Amino acid sequence: MKPILKSSFISLLLLATAALIYSNSTTAQGTSPPSLQTKTVISVVNNQKSISDFAQLIKVSGFNRVLAGKGPFTVVAPTNNALESNEKNLDKLEKSAKKARKLVSGYLYKGNIPAKEIESKLGVNIKKQDASAANGVVYVVDSLLKKNASGR
């Protein structure tokens, strides 16, 4: 597993924009219920009050555009309480796209990663299991990550 932030941020935005344009021009032909065919991981994140601070950091970082793309993506979203307990100042993160990108990128992964793998590799307990979307999955955790899934 590799963090999304392997290539430059601009490249990701361009790729996500192209994927979004392509995905909007085709019809999803999966077996998922219709409600999941249009719901993206960013819409799942944005609609959960318990992770609204993380949603705001995603927006500030610019990753909201990426997470609206084709995917698949795995988002490990810390709760508001977890972010507030962090020594870092949440207000400073919300005012700096660079700082927000640095933090948020450690919680975003390419691919659909199973919950058990996230828990074992990251050493976290998933509070809310498997909030699936058309382009990935969102896991809510009640603590901050000490390392990312690639072991860094």
Protein backbone atom coordinates (compact mmCIF):
# COMPACT_ATOMS: atom_id res chain seq x y z
CA MET A 1 0.00 0.00 0.00
CA LYS A 2 1.30 3.42 -0.92
CA PRO A 3 0.02 6.80 0.24
CA ILE A 4 -1.70 8.83 -2.44
CA LEU A 5 0.87 11.60 -2.13
CA LYS A 6 3.59 9.73 -4.09
CA SER A 7 3.40 12.02 -7.10
CA SER A 8 2.97 15.73 -7.16
CA PHE A 9 -0.28 17.24 -5.97
CA ILE A 10 -0.88 18.93 -9.33
CA SER A 11 -0.55 15.63 -11.18
CA LEU A 12 -3.14 14.10 -8.88
CA LEU A 13 -5.54 16.97 -9.45
CA LEU A 14 -5.16 16.66 -13.23
CA LEU A 15 -5.67 12.91 -13.08
CA ALA A 16 -8.68 13.26 -10.81
CA THR A 17 -10.21 15.90 -13.07
CA ALA A 18 -9.77 13.66 -16.10
CA ALA A 19 -11.23 10.68 -14.21
CA LEU A 20 -14.17 12.76 -13.01
CA ILE A 21 -14.93 13.97 -16.53
CA TYR A 22 -14.67 10.40 -17.84
CA SER A 23 -16.79 8.91 -15.05
CA ASN A 24 -19.49 11.53 -15.58
CA SER A 25 -19.65 10.66 -19.28
CA THR A 26 -20.26 6.92 -18.74
CA THR A 27 -22.91 4.93 -16.92
CA ALA A 28 -21.95 2.73 -13.97
CA GLN A 29 -22.82 -0.90 -14.71
CA GLY A 30 -22.09 -2.50 -11.32
CA THR A 31 -24.16 -4.59 -8.95
CA SER A 32 -24.15 -1.92 -6.24
CA PRO A 33 -27.44 -0.34 -5.25
CA PRO A 34 -28.21 2.85 -7.22
CA SER A 35 -27.53 5.03 -4.18
CA LEU A 36 -23.92 3.77 -4.02
CA GLN A 37 -23.30 4.29 -7.74
CA THR A 38 -23.29 8.07 -7.33
CA LYS A 39 -21.98 8.40 -3.76
CA THR A 40 -18.24 9.13 -3.65
CA VAL A 41 -15.89 8.74 -0.69
CA ILE A 42 -15.79 12.53 -0.31
CA SER A 43 -19.60 12.67 -0.08
CA VAL A 44 -19.49 9.89 2.57
CA VAL A 45 -16.91 11.90 4.55
CA ASN A 46 -18.84 15.15 4.15
CA ASN A 47 -22.06 13.56 5.44
CA GLN A 48 -20.68 12.23 8.74
CA LYS A 49 -20.80 14.74 11.60
CA SER A 50 -18.29 12.77 13.69
CA ILE A 51 -15.55 13.45 11.11
CA SER A 52 -16.50 16.98 10.03
CA ASP A 53 -13.12 18.41 11.10
CA PHE A 54 -11.34 15.88 8.87
CA ALA A 55 -13.73 16.75 6.03
CA GLN A 56 -12.74 20.40 6.43
CA LEU A 57 -9.03 19.48 6.30
CA ILE A 58 -9.64 17.47 3.12
CA LYS A 59 -11.29 20.53 1.58
CA VAL A 60 -8.44 22.86 2.64
CA SER A 61 -5.85 20.40 1.30
CA GLY A 62 -7.56 20.17 -2.09
CA PHE A 63 -7.94 16.39 -1.88
CA ASN A 64 -11.73 16.74 -2.09
CA ARG A 65 -11.35 16.99 -5.87
CA VAL A 66 -9.21 13.86 -5.99
CA LEU A 67 -11.59 11.88 -3.77
CA ALA A 68 -14.49 12.75 -6.06
CA GLY A 69 -12.66 10.94 -8.88
CA LYS A 70 -12.76 7.39 -10.14
CA GLY A 71 -10.68 5.70 -7.41
CA PRO A 72 -10.80 3.29 -5.79
CA PHE A 73 -9.69 5.03 -2.61
CA THR A 74 -9.51 4.03 1.04
CA VAL A 75 -10.00 6.88 3.51
CA VAL A 76 -9.10 6.32 7.16
CA ALA A 77 -10.90 9.23 8.81
CA PRO A 78 -10.10 10.26 12.38
CA THR A 79 -13.01 11.50 14.47
CA ASN A 80 -13.29 15.13 15.57
CA ASN A 81 -12.31 14.05 19.10
CA ALA A 82 -9.14 12.38 17.81
CA LEU A 83 -8.13 15.49 15.86
CA GLU A 84 -8.90 17.78 18.79
CA SER A 85 -6.79 15.66 21.14
CA ASN A 86 -3.83 16.08 18.81
CA GLU A 87 -1.10 18.43 19.92
CA LYS A 88 -1.18 20.14 16.53
CA ASN A 89 -3.38 23.19 16.37
CA LEU A 90 -6.42 22.37 14.25
CA ASP A 91 -6.97 26.06 13.44
CA LYS A 92 -3.45 26.31 11.96
CA LEU A 93 -4.06 23.22 9.84
CA GLU A 94 -7.32 24.64 8.54
CA LYS A 95 -5.52 27.83 7.42
CA SER A 96 -2.59 26.14 5.63
CA ALA A 97 -3.19 23.99 2.57
CA LYS A 98 0.38 22.68 2.78
CA LYS A 99 0.05 21.57 6.42
CA ALA A 100 -3.41 20.12 5.78
CA ARG A 101 -2.11 18.15 2.76
CA LYS A 102 0.74 16.75 4.83
CA LEU A 103 -1.62 15.48 7.54
CA VAL A 104 -4.46 14.32 5.29
CA SER A 105 -2.20 12.45 2.85
CA GLY A 106 -1.30 9.97 5.59
CA TYR A 107 -4.96 8.94 5.82
CA LEU A 108 -5.63 8.40 2.11
CA TYR A 109 -4.71 5.26 0.16
CA LYS A 110 -5.11 3.94 -3.36
CA GLY A 111 -7.31 0.87 -3.67
CA ASN A 112 -10.02 -0.76 -1.57
CA ILE A 113 -8.17 -1.97 1.50
CA PRO A 114 -10.02 -4.40 3.80
CA ALA A 115 -10.79 -3.25 7.35
CA LYS A 116 -8.75 -6.04 8.97
CA GLU A 117 -5.68 -5.02 6.97
CA ILE A 118 -6.10 -1.36 7.98
CA GLU A 119 -6.44 -2.36 11.65
CA SER A 120 -3.43 -4.67 11.65
CA LYS A 121 -1.07 -2.48 9.62
CA LEU A 122 -2.03 0.82 11.24
CA GLY A 123 -2.72 -0.43 14.76
CA VAL A 124 -6.12 1.28 14.98
CA ASN A 125 -9.62 0.17 15.84
CA ILE A 126 -12.17 1.01 13.24
CA LYS A 127 -15.11 2.71 14.92
CA LYS A 128 -17.42 2.63 11.91
CA GLN A 129 -16.98 -0.25 9.49
CA ASP A 130 -17.06 -0.13 5.76
CA ALA A 131 -18.91 3.00 4.69
CA SER A 132 -18.75 2.02 1.01
CA ALA A 133 -19.04 4.35 -1.95
CA ALA A 134 -18.87 3.97 -5.71
CA ASN A 135 -15.17 4.92 -5.71
CA GLY A 136 -13.91 3.37 -2.49
CA VAL A 137 -14.43 2.98 1.22
CA VAL A 138 -14.27 5.17 4.35
CA TYR A 139 -13.25 3.86 7.77
CA VAL A 140 -13.78 6.05 10.85
CA VAL A 141 -11.16 5.66 13.57
CA ASP A 142 -11.10 7.23 17.02
CA SER A 143 -7.36 7.85 17.16
CA LEU A 144 -4.66 9.44 15.06
CA LEU A 145 -2.35 7.23 13.05
CA LYS A 146 1.15 6.71 14.36
CA LYS A 147 2.31 5.37 10.98
CA ASN A 148 0.78 4.91 7.59
CA ALA A 149 -0.09 1.59 5.97
CA SER A 150 3.26 1.39 4.17
CA GLY A 151 4.94 1.36 7.59
CA ARG A 152 6.40 4.87 7.54
